C-alpha atoms as a PDB file:
ATOM      1  CA  MET A   1       0.079   0.002  -0.001  1.00  0.00           C
ATOM      2  CA  SER A   2       1.419   3.384  -0.972  1.00  0.00           C
ATOM      3  CA  LYS A   3       1.895   5.828   1.737  1.00  0.00           C
ATOM      4  CA  THR A   4       0.199   9.409   1.575  1.00  0.00           C
ATOM      5  CA  VAL A   5       0.161  12.527   3.408  1.00  0.00           C
ATOM      6  CA  LEU A   6      -2.550  14.996   4.223  1.00  0.00           C
ATOM      7  CA  ILE A   7      -1.739  18.583   3.533  1.00  0.00           C
ATOM      8  CA  THR A   8      -3.364  21.161   5.472  1.00  0.00           C
ATOM      9  CA  SER A   9      -2.673  24.813   4.068  1.00  0.00           C
ATOM     10  CA  ASP A  10      -4.007  28.370   4.236  1.00  0.00           C
ATOM     11  CA  ILE A  11      -5.342  29.725   0.957  1.00  0.00           C
ATOM     12  CA  SER A  12      -3.891  32.934  -0.279  1.00  0.00           C
ATOM     13  CA  ILE A  13      -6.131  35.154  -2.593  1.00  0.00           C
ATOM     14  CA  ALA A  14      -4.132  37.894  -4.064  1.00  0.00           C
ATOM     15  CA  GLN A  15      -6.949  40.185  -5.249  1.00  0.00           C
ATOM     16  CA  ASP A  16      -9.879  41.709  -3.470  1.00  0.00           C
ATOM     17  CA  CYS A  17     -12.751  39.646  -3.828  1.00  0.00           C
ATOM     18  CA  HIS A  18     -16.046  38.811  -1.967  1.00  0.00           C
ATOM     19  CA  ASP A  19     -15.913  37.179   1.631  1.00  0.00           C
ATOM     20  CA  ASP A  20     -17.306  33.619   0.299  1.00  0.00           C
ATOM     21  CA  VAL A  21     -14.290  32.106  -0.380  1.00  0.00           C
ATOM     22  CA  PRO A  22     -12.440  29.052   1.773  1.00  0.00           C
ATOM     23  CA  ASP A  23      -9.994  29.811   4.619  1.00  0.00           C
ATOM     24  CA  VAL A  24      -8.340  26.278   4.502  1.00  0.00           C
ATOM     25  CA  ILE A  25      -7.629  23.563   2.081  1.00  0.00           C
ATOM     26  CA  LYS A  26      -6.706  19.984   2.960  1.00  0.00           C
ATOM     27  CA  PHE A  27      -5.776  17.256   0.385  1.00  0.00           C
ATOM     28  CA  SER A  28      -3.549  14.054  -0.037  1.00  0.00           C
ATOM     29  CA  ILE A  29      -0.627  13.127  -2.026  1.00  0.00           C
ATOM     30  CA  ASP A  30       1.034   9.995  -2.349  1.00  0.00           C
ATOM     31  CA  GLU A  31       4.434   8.537  -3.006  1.00  0.00           C
ATOM     32  CA  ALA A  32       4.321   8.990  -6.466  1.00  0.00           C
ATOM     33  CA  ASP A  33       3.277  12.483  -6.069  1.00  0.00           C
ATOM     34  CA  VAL A  34       6.298  13.102  -3.635  1.00  0.00           C
ATOM     35  CA  GLY A  35       8.521  11.343  -6.348  1.00  0.00           C
ATOM     36  CA  GLU A  36       7.462  13.328  -9.149  1.00  0.00           C
ATOM     37  CA  ILE A  37       7.665  16.663  -7.043  1.00  0.00           C
ATOM     38  CA  VAL A  38      11.284  15.730  -6.452  1.00  0.00           C
ATOM     39  CA  LYS A  39      12.302  14.795  -9.926  1.00  0.00           C
ATOM     40  CA  LEU A  40      10.620  18.216 -11.055  1.00  0.00           C
ATOM     41  CA  ALA A  41      12.717  20.273  -8.185  1.00  0.00           C
ATOM     42  CA  ASN A  42      15.681  18.602  -9.510  1.00  0.00           C
ATOM     43  CA  LEU A  43      14.864  19.729 -13.012  1.00  0.00           C
ATOM     44  CA  VAL A  44      14.342  23.356 -11.698  1.00  0.00           C
ATOM     45  CA  LYS A  45      17.531  23.159  -9.880  1.00  0.00           C
ATOM     46  CA  HIS A  46      19.871  21.953 -12.812  1.00  0.00           C
ATOM     47  CA  ASN A  47      18.141  23.989 -15.600  1.00  0.00           C
ATOM     48  CA  ASP A  48      18.104  27.540 -14.082  1.00  0.00           C
ATOM     49  CA  VAL A  49      14.419  27.931 -14.088  1.00  0.00           C
ATOM     50  CA  TYR A  50      12.342  29.630 -11.384  1.00  0.00           C
ATOM     51  CA  LYS A  51       9.641  26.738 -11.172  1.00  0.00           C
ATOM     52  CA  ILE A  52       7.739  24.113 -13.418  1.00  0.00           C
ATOM     53  CA  VAL A  53       4.064  24.126 -13.449  1.00  0.00           C
ATOM     54  CA  LYS A  54       1.826  21.044 -13.943  1.00  0.00           C
ATOM     55  CA  PHE A  55      -1.756  20.500 -14.098  1.00  0.00           C
ATOM     56  CA  HIS A  56      -2.590  18.198 -10.739  1.00  0.00           C
ATOM     57  CA  TYR A  57      -5.987  17.206  -9.607  1.00  0.00           C
ATOM     58  CA  PRO A  58      -5.978  15.770  -6.076  1.00  0.00           C
ATOM     59  CA  LYS A  59      -9.475  15.620  -4.426  1.00  0.00           C
ATOM     60  CA  TRP A  60      -9.619  18.974  -2.566  1.00  0.00           C
ATOM     61  CA  SER A  61     -11.679  19.807   0.763  1.00  0.00           C
ATOM     62  CA  PHE A  62     -12.150  23.218   1.871  1.00  0.00           C
ATOM     63  CA  PHE A  63     -13.145  24.842   4.954  1.00  0.00           C
ATOM     64  CA  ILE A  64     -13.863  28.168   6.388  1.00  0.00           C
ATOM     65  CA  TYR A  65     -13.384  29.104   9.946  1.00  0.00           C
ATOM     66  CA  ASP A  66     -16.410  28.763  12.473  1.00  0.00           C
ATOM     67  CA  THR A  67     -16.572  32.218  13.618  1.00  0.00           C
ATOM     68  CA  GLN A  68     -19.451  30.997  15.911  1.00  0.00           C
ATOM     69  CA  SER A  69     -17.185  28.538  17.865  1.00  0.00           C
ATOM     70  CA  GLU A  70     -15.335  29.182  20.836  1.00  0.00           C
ATOM     71  CA  ASP A  71     -12.734  27.084  19.221  1.00  0.00           C
ATOM     72  CA  GLN A  72     -10.677  29.531  17.080  1.00  0.00           C
ATOM     73  CA  GLU A  73      -9.346  26.488  14.991  1.00  0.00           C
ATOM     74  CA  ALA A  74     -12.805  25.055  14.250  1.00  0.00           C
ATOM     75  CA  LEU A  75     -13.546  24.536  10.729  1.00  0.00           C
ATOM     76  CA  LEU A  76     -16.985  24.284   8.472  1.00  0.00           C
ATOM     77  CA  PRO A  77     -17.057  22.742   5.101  1.00  0.00           C
ATOM     78  CA  TRP A  78     -16.891  24.805   2.215  1.00  0.00           C
ATOM     79  CA  GLU A  79     -18.514  23.971  -1.178  1.00  0.00           C
ATOM     80  CA  GLY A  80     -17.039  25.119  -4.669  1.00  0.00           C
ATOM     81  CA  ARG A  81     -15.669  24.212  -7.737  1.00  0.00           C
ATOM     82  CA  MET A  82     -12.049  24.873  -9.020  1.00  0.00           C
ATOM     83  CA  GLU A  83     -10.486  25.001 -12.576  1.00  0.00           C
ATOM     84  CA  VAL A  84      -6.883  24.968 -14.005  1.00  0.00           C
ATOM     85  CA  GLU A  85      -5.620  23.265 -10.742  1.00  0.00           C
ATOM     86  CA  CYS A  86      -1.720  23.169 -10.816  1.00  0.00           C
ATOM     87  CA  MET A  87       1.173  22.105  -8.772  1.00  0.00           C
ATOM     88  CA  ASN A  88       3.933  24.757  -8.648  1.00  0.00           C
ATOM     89  CA  VAL A  89       7.470  23.202  -8.212  1.00  0.00           C
ATOM     90  CA  VAL A  90      10.077  25.163  -7.276  1.00  0.00           C
ATOM     91  CA  GLU A  91      13.799  24.057  -6.192  1.00  0.00           C
ATOM     92  CA  ASN A  92      13.048  23.201  -2.512  1.00  0.00           C
ATOM     93  CA  GLY A  93       9.392  23.089  -2.374  1.00  0.00           C
ATOM     94  CA  VAL A  94       5.963  22.887  -3.966  1.00  0.00           C
ATOM     95  CA  TYR A  95       2.552  24.857  -3.673  1.00  0.00           C
ATOM     96  CA  TRP A  96      -0.590  24.447  -5.521  1.00  0.00           C
ATOM     97  CA  THR A  97      -2.973  26.927  -7.530  1.00  0.00           C
ATOM     98  CA  ALA A  98      -6.456  27.029  -8.866  1.00  0.00           C
ATOM     99  CA  TYR A  99      -8.967  29.277  -9.900  1.00  0.00           C
ATOM    100  CA  PHE A 100     -12.588  29.297  -8.603  1.00  0.00           C
ATOM    101  CA  ARG A 101     -14.679  27.985 -11.332  1.00  0.00           C
ATOM    102  CA  TYR A 102     -16.071  30.623 -13.811  1.00  0.00           C
ATOM    103  CA  THR A 103     -13.920  33.668 -12.248  1.00  0.00           C
ATOM    104  CA  ASP A 104     -10.961  35.076 -12.563  1.00  0.00           C
ATOM    105  CA  ILE A 105     -10.087  34.819  -8.769  1.00  0.00           C
ATOM    106  CA  LYS A 106      -6.778  32.683  -8.364  1.00  0.00           C
ATOM    107  CA  TRP A 107      -5.792  31.017  -5.023  1.00  0.00           C
ATOM    108  CA  GLU A 108      -2.584  29.348  -3.613  1.00  0.00           C
ATOM    109  CA  THR A 109      -1.445  27.306  -1.000  1.00  0.00           C
ATOM    110  CA  SER A 110       1.392  27.991   1.305  1.00  0.00           C
ATOM    111  CA  ARG A 111       4.860  26.457   0.182  1.00  0.00           C
ATOM    112  CA  VAL A 112       5.540  22.897   1.314  1.00  0.00           C
ATOM    113  CA  LEU A 113       9.204  22.253   1.741  1.00  0.00           C
ATOM    114  CA  ILE A 114      10.346  19.075  -0.073  1.00  0.00           C
ATOM    115  CA  LYS A 115      12.504  17.750   2.809  1.00  0.00           C
ATOM    116  CA  ASP A 116       9.298  17.720   4.982  1.00  0.00           C
ATOM    117  CA  LEU A 117       7.454  15.803   2.503  1.00  0.00           C
ATOM    118  CA  LEU A 118      10.484  13.217   2.235  1.00  0.00           C
ATOM    119  CA  LEU A 119      10.256  12.612   5.900  1.00  0.00           C
ATOM    120  CA  TRP A 120       7.304  10.372   6.155  1.00  0.00           C
ATOM    121  CA  ASP A 121       7.405  10.443   9.400  1.00  0.00           C
ATOM    122  CA  SER A 122       4.201  11.877  10.152  1.00  0.00           C
ATOM    123  CA  PRO A 123       0.791  11.460   8.094  1.00  0.00           C
ATOM    124  CA  GLU A 124      -0.127  15.079   8.037  1.00  0.00           C
ATOM    125  CA  ILE A 125       2.018  18.317   7.235  1.00  0.00           C
ATOM    126  CA  ASP A 126       0.239  21.518   8.164  1.00  0.00           C
ATOM    127  CA  VAL A 127       1.689  24.450   6.661  1.00  0.00           C
ATOM    128  CA  ARG A 128      -1.042  27.140   8.281  1.00  0.00           C
ATOM    129  CA  GLU A 129       0.513  30.518   9.289  1.00  0.00           C
END
């Protein structure tokens, strides 16, 4: 059975937009994904390029913070569709981007360091700030 790691990240949105957007994303990647990320990061490093972008379609789960809860980390599911879903590999890490469907609003995750992906000692990596 293939190992997987659950990634939890904040979602950053560059432009001003309405408030009905998610705050947090969770998704899993497996050993094959990590191997591909490492391979692409080596290509970035040895070919003097900033990043390599590849379409990537994990099963995303989106959440908003529950402002009614006393627990500041409480999350509620958020429903929405995405398009142009990409994995962005840089020399030492990876982050994901996509657009909210039928909009020009682009979001991105926080960067996950490759060294953290290669540890495999934790089934979850939380890169929220």
